[in-house]
Amino acid sequence: MLLSDFDYELPEELIAQTPIEPRNASRLMVLDPLNETIEHHHFFELKNFLTAGDTLIFNDTRVIPARLIGHRETGGKVEVFLLHRIDGNRWETLVKPGRKAQIDNKIIFSEELYCKVIGHTDFGGRVVEFCYEGIFEEILDRLGETPLPPYIHEKLEDTERYQTVYNRERGSAAAPTAGLHFTKEQMTDLKSSGINLGFVTLHVGLGTFRPVNVDNIEDHVMHEEYFSIPQETVDLIRRTKENHKRVIAVGTTSIRTLESAVINGELTAMSGATNIFIYPGYEFKVIDAIITNFHLPKSTLIMLISAFGGREFVLRAYKEAVKERYRFFSFGDAMFLIRH
């Protein structure tokens, strides 16, 4: 399967630059891959497409202020982007300019924080070790910047708008954007209507947003990301399946978490690293429906959605979204893919 099979034309003006208010005022395209129907709604209408006993699974990760701006001892600006904490004070990072960040180089961010480059990674990044006085998370909150995707050029006045309302586990380099549409009031209303709310964690890193640079997509290797699924969520999903109700993943990161936690055919409470790559031909083991955003052309995310909804139908829906002037990407509109 070729990378070009997942391309589509997108006018730049449809890339959402700012979040809509309120969160659930965004549009919702409802897709039925079996009957190949496309309907246009709004996100606050989501409850109309759910039934009591259905279960929504959310990724409760929180975006950290992962972008640090510093300088080398000899001068020269350096940007360090935190991807994943290896252990203690050692992190996997992306460094720009990378050629200026060699082993033993020191990058200084302030009088209280610097890091030393201690290794290279197999994806062109750097392993760094931080040195500081005090509590690292507090220093990071003061010095770090919330990283927005490169296609967003507007300044975000309220950084909490790039967080879900249910976030609780710090560690992501990017937001699980399908969840940005939910308000606390909507979640309360869904719960009171008999919809179950379950939670998993996947800290979004390079695996999610790394571009595909090979023509044959099967040659692409995903970078590992940390995930965790608690026993409480496993039990909830098991009850949902026993009652013949649907497990609905909110976002591609929730999908990847659930599908990574199947051991010998059984969903299992666990934590670890996943590099699962889902593309057409994949047989889904846990999920029955998906809430997601509109994704970048030729990305692993549109490949995942195509695996669930069918490549040709999904691309037809994207073409319809362009025609109907939907808003795309992180702060854009949503789609709900259902299966019967």
C-alpha atoms as a PDB file:
ATOM      1  CA  MET A   1       0.000   0.000   0.000  1.00  0.00           C
ATOM      2  CA  LEU A   2       1.459   3.340  -1.072  1.00  0.00           C
ATOM      3  CA  LEU A   3       1.786   6.574   0.855  1.00  0.00           C
ATOM      4  CA  SER A   4       0.117   8.414  -2.026  1.00  0.00           C
ATOM      5  CA  ASP A   5      -3.028   6.320  -1.427  1.00  0.00           C
ATOM      6  CA  PHE A   6      -3.713   8.475   1.655  1.00  0.00           C
ATOM      7  CA  ASP A   7      -3.273  11.900   0.139  1.00  0.00           C
ATOM      8  CA  TYR A   8      -6.006  14.495  -0.370  1.00  0.00           C
ATOM      9  CA  GLU A   9      -6.278  18.149  -1.359  1.00  0.00           C
ATOM     10  CA  LEU A  10      -6.797  20.581   1.522  1.00  0.00           C
ATOM     11  CA  PRO A  11      -7.077  24.359   1.116  1.00  0.00           C
ATOM     12  CA  GLU A  12      -4.863  26.001   3.729  1.00  0.00           C
ATOM     13  CA  GLU A  13      -7.664  28.281   4.920  1.00  0.00           C
ATOM     14  CA  LEU A  14      -9.536  25.223   6.276  1.00  0.00           C
ATOM     15  CA  ILE A  15      -6.783  24.491   8.830  1.00  0.00           C
ATOM     16  CA  ALA A  16      -8.304  25.722  12.107  1.00  0.00           C
ATOM     17  CA  GLN A  17      -6.053  28.290  13.782  1.00  0.00           C
ATOM     18  CA  THR A  18      -8.077  28.894  16.943  1.00  0.00           C
ATOM     19  CA  PRO A  19     -10.396  26.740  19.060  1.00  0.00           C
ATOM     20  CA  ILE A  20     -14.138  27.282  18.748  1.00  0.00           C
ATOM     21  CA  GLU A  21     -16.233  28.349  21.741  1.00  0.00           C
ATOM     22  CA  PRO A  22     -17.804  26.555  23.428  1.00  0.00           C
ATOM     23  CA  ARG A  23     -15.806  23.402  22.847  1.00  0.00           C
ATOM     24  CA  ASN A  24     -18.766  21.310  21.715  1.00  0.00           C
ATOM     25  CA  ALA A  25     -20.001  23.886  19.181  1.00  0.00           C
ATOM     26  CA  SER A  26     -17.772  22.252  16.570  1.00  0.00           C
ATOM     27  CA  ARG A  27     -19.334  20.343  13.705  1.00  0.00           C
ATOM     28  CA  LEU A  28     -19.709  16.560  13.745  1.00  0.00           C
ATOM     29  CA  MET A  29     -19.678  14.470  10.587  1.00  0.00           C
ATOM     30  CA  VAL A  30     -21.390  11.133  11.267  1.00  0.00           C
ATOM     31  CA  LEU A  31     -20.162   8.314   9.036  1.00  0.00           C
ATOM     32  CA  ASP A  32     -21.668   4.880   8.557  1.00  0.00           C
ATOM     33  CA  PRO A  33     -19.077   2.856   6.604  1.00  0.00           C
ATOM     34  CA  LEU A  34     -21.424  -0.123   6.154  1.00  0.00           C
ATOM     35  CA  ASN A  35     -24.170   1.865   4.441  1.00  0.00           C
ATOM     36  CA  GLU A  36     -21.715   4.515   3.190  1.00  0.00           C
ATOM     37  CA  THR A  37     -23.819   7.393   4.524  1.00  0.00           C
ATOM     38  CA  ILE A  38     -22.528  10.819   5.547  1.00  0.00           C
ATOM     39  CA  GLU A  39     -24.520  13.125   7.835  1.00  0.00           C
ATOM     40  CA  HIS A  40     -23.713  16.627   9.082  1.00  0.00           C
ATOM     41  CA  HIS A  41     -24.385  17.555  12.705  1.00  0.00           C
ATOM     42  CA  HIS A  42     -22.806  19.393  15.661  1.00  0.00           C
ATOM     43  CA  PHE A  43     -20.788  17.905  18.490  1.00  0.00           C
ATOM     44  CA  PHE A  44     -23.332  18.894  21.145  1.00  0.00           C
ATOM     45  CA  GLU A  45     -25.712  16.441  19.389  1.00  0.00           C
ATOM     46  CA  LEU A  46     -23.409  13.471  20.098  1.00  0.00           C
ATOM     47  CA  LYS A  47     -25.825  11.970  22.651  1.00  0.00           C
ATOM     48  CA  ASN A  48     -28.372  11.409  19.874  1.00  0.00           C
ATOM     49  CA  PHE A  49     -26.077   8.773  18.379  1.00  0.00           C
ATOM     50  CA  LEU A  50     -25.383   6.912  21.628  1.00  0.00           C
ATOM     51  CA  THR A  51     -27.484   4.487  23.640  1.00  0.00           C
ATOM     52  CA  ALA A  52     -27.495   3.721  27.365  1.00  0.00           C
ATOM     53  CA  GLY A  53     -24.790   1.171  28.117  1.00  0.00           C
ATOM     54  CA  ASP A  54     -22.396   2.390  25.435  1.00  0.00           C
ATOM     55  CA  THR A  55     -18.908   3.185  26.728  1.00  0.00           C
ATOM     56  CA  LEU A  56     -16.716   6.115  25.720  1.00  0.00           C
ATOM     57  CA  ILE A  57     -12.977   5.617  26.290  1.00  0.00           C
ATOM     58  CA  PHE A  58     -10.929   8.794  26.819  1.00  0.00           C
ATOM     59  CA  ASN A  59      -7.160   9.368  26.910  1.00  0.00           C
ATOM     60  CA  ASP A  60      -6.553  11.315  30.138  1.00  0.00           C
ATOM     61  CA  THR A  61      -3.010  12.469  29.329  1.00  0.00           C
ATOM     62  CA  ARG A  62      -2.002  16.085  29.998  1.00  0.00           C
ATOM     63  CA  VAL A  63       0.262  18.074  27.695  1.00  0.00           C
ATOM     64  CA  ILE A  64       3.410  19.282  29.402  1.00  0.00           C
ATOM     65  CA  PRO A  65       5.176  22.558  28.487  1.00  0.00           C
ATOM     66  CA  ALA A  66       7.541  20.473  26.401  1.00  0.00           C
ATOM     67  CA  ARG A  67       9.336  23.196  24.400  1.00  0.00           C
ATOM     68  CA  LEU A  68      12.402  24.711  26.058  1.00  0.00           C
ATOM     69  CA  ILE A  69      14.446  27.514  24.517  1.00  0.00           C
ATOM     70  CA  GLY A  70      18.098  27.739  25.569  1.00  0.00           C
ATOM     71  CA  HIS A  71      21.570  28.398  24.255  1.00  0.00           C
ATOM     72  CA  ARG A  72      24.870  26.594  23.981  1.00  0.00           C
ATOM     73  CA  GLU A  73      27.790  27.594  26.186  1.00  0.00           C
ATOM     74  CA  THR A  74      29.429  29.162  23.154  1.00  0.00           C
ATOM     75  CA  GLY A  75      26.228  31.014  22.231  1.00  0.00           C
ATOM     76  CA  GLY A  76      23.628  30.170  19.646  1.00  0.00           C
ATOM     77  CA  LYS A  77      19.928  29.549  20.263  1.00  0.00           C
ATOM     78  CA  VAL A  78      18.819  25.941  20.766  1.00  0.00           C
ATOM     79  CA  GLU A  79      15.317  24.515  21.059  1.00  0.00           C
ATOM     80  CA  VAL A  80      14.800  21.314  23.040  1.00  0.00           C
ATOM     81  CA  PHE A  81      11.488  19.494  22.603  1.00  0.00           C
ATOM     82  CA  LEU A  82      10.735  16.900  25.287  1.00  0.00           C
ATOM     83  CA  LEU A  83       9.318  13.652  23.926  1.00  0.00           C
ATOM     84  CA  HIS A  84       9.572  11.027  26.625  1.00  0.00           C
ATOM     85  CA  ARG A  85      11.066  10.675  30.089  1.00  0.00           C
ATOM     86  CA  ILE A  86      13.361   7.636  30.049  1.00  0.00           C
ATOM     87  CA  ASP A  87      14.027   7.643  33.780  1.00  0.00           C
ATOM     88  CA  GLY A  88      14.990  10.173  36.432  1.00  0.00           C
ATOM     89  CA  ASN A  89      16.397  13.230  34.665  1.00  0.00           C
ATOM     90  CA  ARG A  90      17.054  11.566  31.297  1.00  0.00           C
ATOM     91  CA  TRP A  91      14.718  12.415  28.414  1.00  0.00           C
ATOM     92  CA  GLU A  92      14.341  11.594  24.740  1.00  0.00           C
ATOM     93  CA  THR A  93      14.169  14.899  22.884  1.00  0.00           C
ATOM     94  CA  LEU A  94      14.238  16.592  19.531  1.00  0.00           C
ATOM     95  CA  VAL A  95      16.861  19.335  19.345  1.00  0.00           C
ATOM     96  CA  LYS A  96      17.060  22.158  16.813  1.00  0.00           C
ATOM     97  CA  PRO A  97      19.538  22.693  15.307  1.00  0.00           C
ATOM     98  CA  GLY A  98      20.518  19.056  15.836  1.00  0.00           C
ATOM     99  CA  ARG A  99      23.954  19.373  14.278  1.00  0.00           C
ATOM    100  CA  LYS A 100      24.877  21.762  17.090  1.00  0.00           C
ATOM    101  CA  ALA A 101      23.884  19.285  19.793  1.00  0.00           C
ATOM    102  CA  GLN A 102      26.631  16.703  20.025  1.00  0.00           C
ATOM    103  CA  ILE A 103      27.641  14.383  22.866  1.00  0.00           C
ATOM    104  CA  ASP A 104      28.713  16.289  26.014  1.00  0.00           C
ATOM    105  CA  ASN A 105      27.384  19.612  24.722  1.00  0.00           C
ATOM    106  CA  LYS A 106      25.655  21.669  27.412  1.00  0.00           C
ATOM    107  CA  ILE A 107      22.435  23.582  26.716  1.00  0.00           C
ATOM    108  CA  ILE A 108      21.588  26.311  29.228  1.00  0.00           C
ATOM    109  CA  PHE A 109      17.990  27.435  29.800  1.00  0.00           C
ATOM    110  CA  SER A 110      18.376  29.569  32.923  1.00  0.00           C
ATOM    111  CA  GLU A 111      20.500  29.853  36.039  1.00  0.00           C
ATOM    112  CA  GLU A 112      18.497  27.011  37.555  1.00  0.00           C
ATOM    113  CA  LEU A 113      18.298  24.608  34.600  1.00  0.00           C
ATOM    114  CA  TYR A 114      20.591  23.160  31.960  1.00  0.00           C
ATOM    115  CA  CYS A 115      20.983  19.822  30.203  1.00  0.00           C
ATOM    116  CA  LYS A 116      23.838  17.808  28.767  1.00  0.00           C
ATOM    117  CA  VAL A 117      23.573  15.760  25.567  1.00  0.00           C
ATOM    118  CA  ILE A 118      24.438  12.166  26.456  1.00  0.00           C
ATOM    119  CA  GLY A 119      23.288  10.181  23.427  1.00  0.00           C
ATOM    120  CA  HIS A 120      21.680   9.968  20.002  1.00  0.00           C
ATOM    121  CA  THR A 121      18.424   8.201  19.169  1.00  0.00           C
ATOM    122  CA  ASP A 122      17.578   6.090  16.150  1.00  0.00           C
ATOM    123  CA  PHE A 123      15.105   8.696  14.894  1.00  0.00           C
ATOM    124  CA  GLY A 124      17.525  11.621  14.800  1.00  0.00           C
ATOM    125  CA  GLY A 125      16.808  12.925  18.275  1.00  0.00           C
ATOM    126  CA  ARG A 126      18.984  13.324  21.355  1.00  0.00           C
ATOM    127  CA  VAL A 127      19.028  11.841  24.823  1.00  0.00           C
ATOM    128  CA  VAL A 128      19.689  14.594  27.348  1.00  0.00           C
ATOM    129  CA  GLU A 129      20.166  14.676  31.108  1.00  0.00           C
ATOM    130  CA  PHE A 130      18.816  17.662  33.013  1.00  0.00           C
ATOM    131  CA  CYS A 131      20.620  19.329  35.901  1.00  0.00           C
ATOM    132  CA  TYR A 132      18.764  21.706  38.194  1.00  0.00           C
ATOM    133  CA  GLU A 133      18.072  22.805  41.732  1.00  0.00           C
ATOM    134  CA  GLY A 134      14.552  22.376  43.014  1.00  0.00           C
ATOM    135  CA  ILE A 135      11.598  20.472  41.526  1.00  0.00           C
ATOM    136  CA  PHE A 136      11.880  19.781  37.795  1.00  0.00           C
ATOM    137  CA  GLU A 137       8.142  19.970  37.067  1.00  0.00           C
ATOM    138  CA  GLU A 138       7.884  23.398  38.712  1.00  0.00           C
ATOM    139  CA  ILE A 139      10.876  24.701  36.744  1.00  0.00           C
ATOM    140  CA  LEU A 140       9.423  23.275  33.536  1.00  0.00           C
ATOM    141  CA  ASP A 141       6.095  24.995  34.206  1.00  0.00           C
ATOM    142  CA  ARG A 142       7.949  28.310  34.518  1.00  0.00           C
ATOM    143  CA  LEU A 143      10.363  27.984  31.608  1.00  0.00           C
ATOM    144  CA  GLY A 144       8.653  25.649  29.161  1.00  0.00           C
ATOM    145  CA  GLU A 145       6.140  26.508  26.458  1.00  0.00           C
ATOM    146  CA  THR A 146       3.065  24.500  25.493  1.00  0.00           C
ATOM    147  CA  PRO A 147       3.929  23.089  22.072  1.00  0.00           C
ATOM    148  CA  LEU A 148       1.347  23.774  19.383  1.00  0.00           C
ATOM    149  CA  PRO A 149       1.505  21.956  16.030  1.00  0.00           C
ATOM    150  CA  PRO A 150       3.525  23.784  13.339  1.00  0.00           C
ATOM    151  CA  TYR A 151       0.431  24.372  11.184  1.00  0.00           C
ATOM    152  CA  ILE A 152      -1.087  26.607  13.917  1.00  0.00           C
ATOM    153  CA  HIS A 153       0.256  30.129  13.488  1.00  0.00           C
ATOM    154  CA  GLU A 154      -2.080  32.035  15.817  1.00  0.00           C
ATOM    155  CA  LYS A 155      -1.041  32.610  19.427  1.00  0.00           C
ATOM    156  CA  LEU A 156      -3.178  30.658  21.893  1.00  0.00           C
ATOM    157  CA  GLU A 157      -4.326  33.043  24.625  1.00  0.00           C
ATOM    158  CA  ASP A 158      -5.495  30.302  27.012  1.00  0.00           C
ATOM    159  CA  THR A 159      -3.174  27.283  26.966  1.00  0.00           C
ATOM    160  CA  GLU A 160      -5.824  25.200  28.745  1.00  0.00           C
ATOM    161  CA  ARG A 161      -7.730  25.161  25.449  1.00  0.00           C
ATOM    162  CA  TYR A 162      -5.022  22.782  24.207  1.00  0.00           C
ATOM    163  CA  GLN A 163      -5.877  20.448  27.100  1.00  0.00           C
ATOM    164  CA  THR A 164      -8.901  18.208  27.484  1.00  0.00           C
ATOM    165  CA  VAL A 165     -11.221  19.022  30.384  1.00  0.00           C
ATOM    166  CA  TYR A 166     -10.564  15.560  31.850  1.00  0.00           C
ATOM    167  CA  ASN A 167      -6.741  15.531  31.683  1.00  0.00           C
ATOM    168  CA  ARG A 168      -4.880  14.244  34.746  1.00  0.00           C
ATOM    169  CA  GLU A 169      -1.699  12.344  33.788  1.00  0.00           C
ATOM    170  CA  ARG A 170       1.202  14.638  32.801  1.00  0.00           C
ATOM    171  CA  GLY A 171       3.432  13.474  29.986  1.00  0.00           C
ATOM    172  CA  SER A 172       2.233  14.339  26.458  1.00  0.00           C
ATOM    173  CA  ALA A 173       4.079  16.375  23.869  1.00  0.00           C
ATOM    174  CA  ALA A 174       0.778  16.988  22.053  1.00  0.00           C
ATOM    175  CA  ALA A 175      -2.913  16.916  22.907  1.00  0.00           C
ATOM    176  CA  PRO A 176      -5.249  13.996  22.127  1.00  0.00           C
ATOM    177  CA  THR A 177      -7.306  16.383  20.036  1.00  0.00           C
ATOM    178  CA  ALA A 178     -10.542  14.404  19.623  1.00  0.00           C
ATOM    179  CA  GLY A 179     -11.128  14.986  23.311  1.00  0.00           C
ATOM    180  CA  LEU A 180     -10.899  18.766  22.984  1.00  0.00           C
ATOM    181  CA  HIS A 181     -14.558  18.854  21.863  1.00  0.00           C
ATOM    182  CA  PHE A 182     -15.953  17.646  25.189  1.00  0.00           C
ATOM    183  CA  THR A 183     -17.136  20.020  27.901  1.00  0.00           C
ATOM    184  CA  LYS A 184     -17.485  18.984  31.541  1.00  0.00           C
ATOM    185  CA  GLU A 185     -21.228  19.656  31.297  1.00  0.00           C
ATOM    186  CA  GLN A 186     -21.572  17.397  28.261  1.00  0.00           C
ATOM    187  CA  MET A 187     -19.682  14.583  29.979  1.00  0.00           C
ATOM    188  CA  THR A 188     -21.924  14.904  33.046  1.00  0.00           C
ATOM    189  CA  ASP A 189     -25.004  14.819  30.813  1.00  0.00           C
ATOM    190  CA  LEU A 190     -23.767  11.730  28.971  1.00  0.00           C
ATOM    191  CA  LYS A 191     -23.090   9.932  32.235  1.00  0.00           C
ATOM    192  CA  SER A 192     -26.548  10.783  33.594  1.00  0.00           C
ATOM    193  CA  SER A 193     -28.008   9.375  30.360  1.00  0.00           C
ATOM    194  CA  GLY A 194     -26.447   5.985  31.050  1.00  0.00           C
ATOM    195  CA  ILE A 195     -23.325   6.373  28.904  1.00  0.00           C
ATOM    196  CA  ASN A 196     -20.239   4.915  30.591  1.00  0.00           C
ATOM    197  CA  LEU A 197     -17.026   6.951  30.723  1.00  0.00           C
ATOM    198  CA  GLY A 198     -13.728   5.054  30.909  1.00  0.00           C
ATOM    199  CA  PHE A 199     -10.132   6.246  30.859  1.00  0.00           C
ATOM    200  CA  VAL A 200      -6.767   5.101  29.550  1.00  0.00           C
ATOM    201  CA  THR A 201      -3.458   6.934  29.192  1.00  0.00           C
ATOM    202  CA  LEU A 202      -1.198   7.324  26.190  1.00  0.00           C
ATOM    203  CA  HIS A 203       1.450  10.038  26.301  1.00  0.00           C
ATOM    204  CA  VAL A 204       1.513  11.448  22.783  1.00  0.00           C
ATOM    205  CA  GLY A 205       5.022  11.592  21.379  1.00  0.00           C
ATOM    206  CA  LEU A 206       6.900  11.120  18.157  1.00  0.00           C
ATOM    207  CA  GLY A 207       4.984   7.969  17.243  1.00  0.00           C
ATOM    208  CA  THR A 208       1.769   9.907  16.719  1.00  0.00           C
ATOM    209  CA  PHE A 209       3.026  12.922  14.790  1.00  0.00           C
ATOM    210  CA  ARG A 210       6.165  11.656  13.057  1.00  0.00           C
ATOM    211  CA  PRO A 211       5.654  11.937   9.270  1.00  0.00           C
ATOM    212  CA  VAL A 212       5.794   8.880   7.041  1.00  0.00           C
ATOM    213  CA  ASN A 213       8.863   9.116   4.802  1.00  0.00           C
ATOM    214  CA  VAL A 214       8.611   5.841   2.883  1.00  0.00           C
ATOM    215  CA  ASP A 215       6.612   5.109  -0.278  1.00  0.00           C
ATOM    216  CA  ASN A 216       5.464   1.682   0.929  1.00  0.00           C
ATOM    217  CA  ILE A 217       3.658   2.375   4.208  1.00  0.00           C
ATOM    218  CA  GLU A 218       4.407  -1.118   5.510  1.00  0.00           C
ATOM    219  CA  ASP A 219       8.059  -0.047   5.751  1.00  0.00           C
ATOM    220  CA  HIS A 220       7.188   2.726   8.226  1.00  0.00           C
ATOM    221  CA  VAL A 221       8.278   2.122  11.832  1.00  0.00           C
ATOM    222  CA  MET A 222       6.362   3.833  14.618  1.00  0.00           C
ATOM    223  CA  HIS A 223       8.240   5.315  17.557  1.00  0.00           C
ATOM    224  CA  GLU A 224       7.301   3.920  20.958  1.00  0.00           C
ATOM    225  CA  GLU A 225       4.916   5.807  23.238  1.00  0.00           C
ATOM    226  CA  TYR A 226       4.006   5.068  26.875  1.00  0.00           C
ATOM    227  CA  PHE A 227       0.500   3.785  27.577  1.00  0.00           C
ATOM    228  CA  SER A 228      -1.464   2.444  30.509  1.00  0.00           C
ATOM    229  CA  ILE A 229      -4.870   0.838  30.885  1.00  0.00           C
ATOM    230  CA  PRO A 230      -6.228   0.212  34.429  1.00  0.00           C
ATOM    231  CA  GLN A 231      -8.175  -2.844  35.555  1.00  0.00           C
ATOM    232  CA  GLU A 232     -11.212  -0.634  36.160  1.00  0.00           C
ATOM    233  CA  THR A 233     -11.347   0.241  32.453  1.00  0.00           C
ATOM    234  CA  VAL A 234     -10.792  -3.378  31.397  1.00  0.00           C
ATOM    235  CA  ASP A 235     -13.714  -4.458  33.607  1.00  0.00           C
ATOM    236  CA  LEU A 236     -15.929  -1.688  32.211  1.00  0.00           C
ATOM    237  CA  ILE A 237     -15.198  -2.711  28.615  1.00  0.00           C
ATOM    238  CA  ARG A 238     -15.816  -6.360  29.441  1.00  0.00           C
ATOM    239  CA  ARG A 239     -19.248  -5.521  30.917  1.00  0.00           C
ATOM    240  CA  THR A 240     -20.045  -3.372  27.885  1.00  0.00           C
ATOM    241  CA  LYS A 241     -19.273  -6.233  25.514  1.00  0.00           C
ATOM    242  CA  GLU A 242     -21.259  -8.727  27.627  1.00  0.00           C
ATOM    243  CA  ASN A 243     -24.274  -6.396  27.403  1.00  0.00           C
ATOM    244  CA  HIS A 244     -23.855  -6.185  23.606  1.00  0.00           C
ATOM    245  CA  LYS A 245     -23.185  -2.444  23.747  1.00  0.00           C
ATOM    246  CA  ARG A 246     -20.484  -0.448  21.952  1.00  0.00           C
ATOM    247  CA  VAL A 247     -16.979   0.541  22.987  1.00  0.00           C
ATOM    248  CA  ILE A 248     -16.335   3.956  21.420  1.00  0.00           C
ATOM    249  CA  ALA A 249     -12.768   5.249  21.337  1.00  0.00           C
ATOM    250  CA  VAL A 250     -12.336   8.995  21.687  1.00  0.00           C
ATOM    251  CA  GLY A 251      -9.336   9.651  19.458  1.00  0.00           C
ATOM    252  CA  THR A 252      -6.656   7.611  17.744  1.00  0.00           C
ATOM    253  CA  THR A 253      -4.516   7.460  20.899  1.00  0.00           C
ATOM    254  CA  SER A 254      -7.327   5.710  22.784  1.00  0.00           C
ATOM    255  CA  ILE A 255      -7.635   3.246  19.894  1.00  0.00           C
ATOM    256  CA  ARG A 256      -3.921   2.491  19.921  1.00  0.00           C
ATOM    257  CA  THR A 257      -3.957   2.019  23.687  1.00  0.00           C
ATOM    258  CA  LEU A 258      -6.879  -0.415  23.648  1.00  0.00           C
ATOM    259  CA  GLU A 259      -5.613  -2.389  20.672  1.00  0.00           C
ATOM    260  CA  SER A 260      -2.120  -2.610  22.241  1.00  0.00           C
ATOM    261  CA  ALA A 261      -3.484  -4.135  25.440  1.00  0.00           C
ATOM    262  CA  VAL A 262      -4.914  -7.300  23.901  1.00  0.00           C
ATOM    263  CA  ILE A 263      -2.891 -10.334  25.025  1.00  0.00           C
ATOM    264  CA  ASN A 264      -3.859 -13.749  23.639  1.00  0.00           C
ATOM    265  CA  GLY A 265      -7.205 -12.357  22.569  1.00  0.00           C
ATOM    266  CA  GLU A 266      -8.007 -10.820  25.962  1.00  0.00           C
ATOM    267  CA  LEU A 267      -7.973  -7.136  26.894  1.00  0.00           C
ATOM    268  CA  THR A 268      -5.518  -6.851  29.770  1.00  0.00           C
ATOM    269  CA  ALA A 269      -4.768  -4.211  32.400  1.00  0.00           C
ATOM    270  CA  MET A 270      -1.185  -3.200  31.742  1.00  0.00           C
ATOM    271  CA  SER A 271       1.269  -0.400  31.107  1.00  0.00           C
ATOM    272  CA  GLY A 272       4.272  -0.217  28.846  1.00  0.00           C
ATOM    273  CA  ALA A 273       5.397   1.070  25.472  1.00  0.00           C
ATOM    274  CA  THR A 274       3.569   0.627  22.192  1.00  0.00           C
ATOM    275  CA  ASN A 275       4.638   1.163  18.599  1.00  0.00           C
ATOM    276  CA  ILE A 276       1.472  -0.315  17.110  1.00  0.00           C
ATOM    277  CA  PHE A 277       0.877   0.844  13.533  1.00  0.00           C
ATOM    278  CA  ILE A 278      -2.702   0.408  12.329  1.00  0.00           C
ATOM    279  CA  TYR A 279      -3.443   0.656   8.613  1.00  0.00           C
ATOM    280  CA  PRO A 280      -5.958  -0.967   6.213  1.00  0.00           C
ATOM    281  CA  GLY A 281      -6.080  -4.714   6.649  1.00  0.00           C
ATOM    282  CA  TYR A 282      -5.900  -4.502  10.449  1.00  0.00           C
ATOM    283  CA  GLU A 283      -8.578  -6.439  12.355  1.00  0.00           C
ATOM    284  CA  PHE A 284      -9.867  -4.404  15.312  1.00  0.00           C
ATOM    285  CA  LYS A 285     -10.214  -6.391  18.506  1.00  0.00           C
ATOM    286  CA  VAL A 286     -11.796  -3.958  20.977  1.00  0.00           C
ATOM    287  CA  ILE A 287     -13.405  -0.872  19.480  1.00  0.00           C
ATOM    288  CA  ASP A 288     -16.822  -0.601  17.821  1.00  0.00           C
ATOM    289  CA  ALA A 289     -16.873   3.105  16.901  1.00  0.00           C
ATOM    290  CA  ILE A 290     -14.535   6.100  16.758  1.00  0.00           C
ATOM    291  CA  ILE A 291     -14.739   9.802  17.555  1.00  0.00           C
ATOM    292  CA  THR A 292     -11.846  11.583  15.884  1.00  0.00           C
ATOM    293  CA  ASN A 293     -10.704  14.787  14.189  1.00  0.00           C
ATOM    294  CA  PHE A 294      -9.778  15.315  10.536  1.00  0.00           C
ATOM    295  CA  HIS A 295      -6.127  14.345  10.090  1.00  0.00           C
ATOM    296  CA  LEU A 296      -3.179  15.403   7.957  1.00  0.00           C
ATOM    297  CA  PRO A 297      -2.797  13.945   4.464  1.00  0.00           C
ATOM    298  CA  LYS A 298      -0.496  10.909   4.303  1.00  0.00           C
ATOM    299  CA  SER A 299      -0.353  10.629   8.119  1.00  0.00           C
ATOM    300  CA  THR A 300      -0.458   7.428  10.181  1.00  0.00           C
ATOM    301  CA  LEU A 301      -3.674   8.787  11.708  1.00  0.00           C
ATOM    302  CA  ILE A 302      -5.633   8.898   8.459  1.00  0.00           C
ATOM    303  CA  MET A 303      -4.289   5.387   7.763  1.00  0.00           C
ATOM    304  CA  LEU A 304      -5.713   4.222  11.103  1.00  0.00           C
ATOM    305  CA  ILE A 305      -9.115   5.756  10.378  1.00  0.00           C
ATOM    306  CA  SER A 306      -9.036   4.198   6.893  1.00  0.00           C
ATOM    307  CA  ALA A 307      -8.431   0.799   8.491  1.00  0.00           C
ATOM    308  CA  PHE A 308     -11.714   1.196  10.366  1.00  0.00           C
ATOM    309  CA  GLY A 309     -13.912   2.950   7.823  1.00  0.00           C
ATOM    310  CA  GLY A 310     -12.385   1.837   4.534  1.00  0.00           C
ATOM    311  CA  ARG A 311      -9.876   3.965   2.640  1.00  0.00           C
ATOM    312  CA  GLU A 312     -12.095   4.955  -0.288  1.00  0.00           C
ATOM    313  CA  PHE A 313     -15.069   5.847   1.912  1.00  0.00           C
ATOM    314  CA  VAL A 314     -12.932   7.830   4.363  1.00  0.00           C
ATOM    315  CA  LEU A 315     -11.281   9.804   1.558  1.00  0.00           C
ATOM    316  CA  ARG A 316     -14.715  10.482   0.057  1.00  0.00           C
ATOM    317  CA  ALA A 317     -15.809  11.811   3.467  1.00  0.00           C
ATOM    318  CA  TYR A 318     -12.724  14.046   3.599  1.00  0.00           C
ATOM    319  CA  LYS A 319     -13.574  15.393   0.150  1.00  0.00           C
ATOM    320  CA  GLU A 320     -17.084  16.112   1.400  1.00  0.00           C
ATOM    321  CA  ALA A 321     -15.642  17.863   4.467  1.00  0.00           C
ATOM    322  CA  VAL A 322     -13.561  20.130   2.228  1.00  0.00           C
ATOM    323  CA  LYS A 323     -16.620  20.891   0.090  1.00  0.00           C
ATOM    324  CA  GLU A 324     -18.700  21.698   3.193  1.00  0.00           C
ATOM    325  CA  ARG A 325     -15.901  23.872   4.639  1.00  0.00           C
ATOM    326  CA  TYR A 326     -15.249  21.824   7.763  1.00  0.00           C
ATOM    327  CA  ARG A 327     -12.379  22.962   9.983  1.00  0.00           C
ATOM    328  CA  PHE A 328      -9.374  20.610   9.958  1.00  0.00           C
ATOM    329  CA  PHE A 329      -6.725  19.283  12.358  1.00  0.00           C
ATOM    330  CA  SER A 330      -6.172  19.967  16.086  1.00  0.00           C
ATOM    331  CA  PHE A 331      -8.661  22.803  16.651  1.00  0.00           C
ATOM    332  CA  GLY A 332     -10.972  21.633  13.879  1.00  0.00           C
ATOM    333  CA  ASP A 333     -14.217  19.699  13.651  1.00  0.00           C
ATOM    334  CA  ALA A 334     -14.888  16.043  14.467  1.00  0.00           C
ATOM    335  CA  MET A 335     -16.212  12.885  12.877  1.00  0.00           C
ATOM    336  CA  PHE A 336     -18.013   9.913  14.382  1.00  0.00           C
ATOM    337  CA  LEU A 337     -17.494   6.595  12.599  1.00  0.00           C
ATOM    338  CA  ILE A 338     -20.062   3.986  13.609  1.00  0.00           C
ATOM    339  CA  ARG A 339     -20.358   0.278  13.008  1.00  0.00           C
ATOM    340  CA  HIS A 340     -23.504  -1.787  13.432  1.00  0.00           C
END
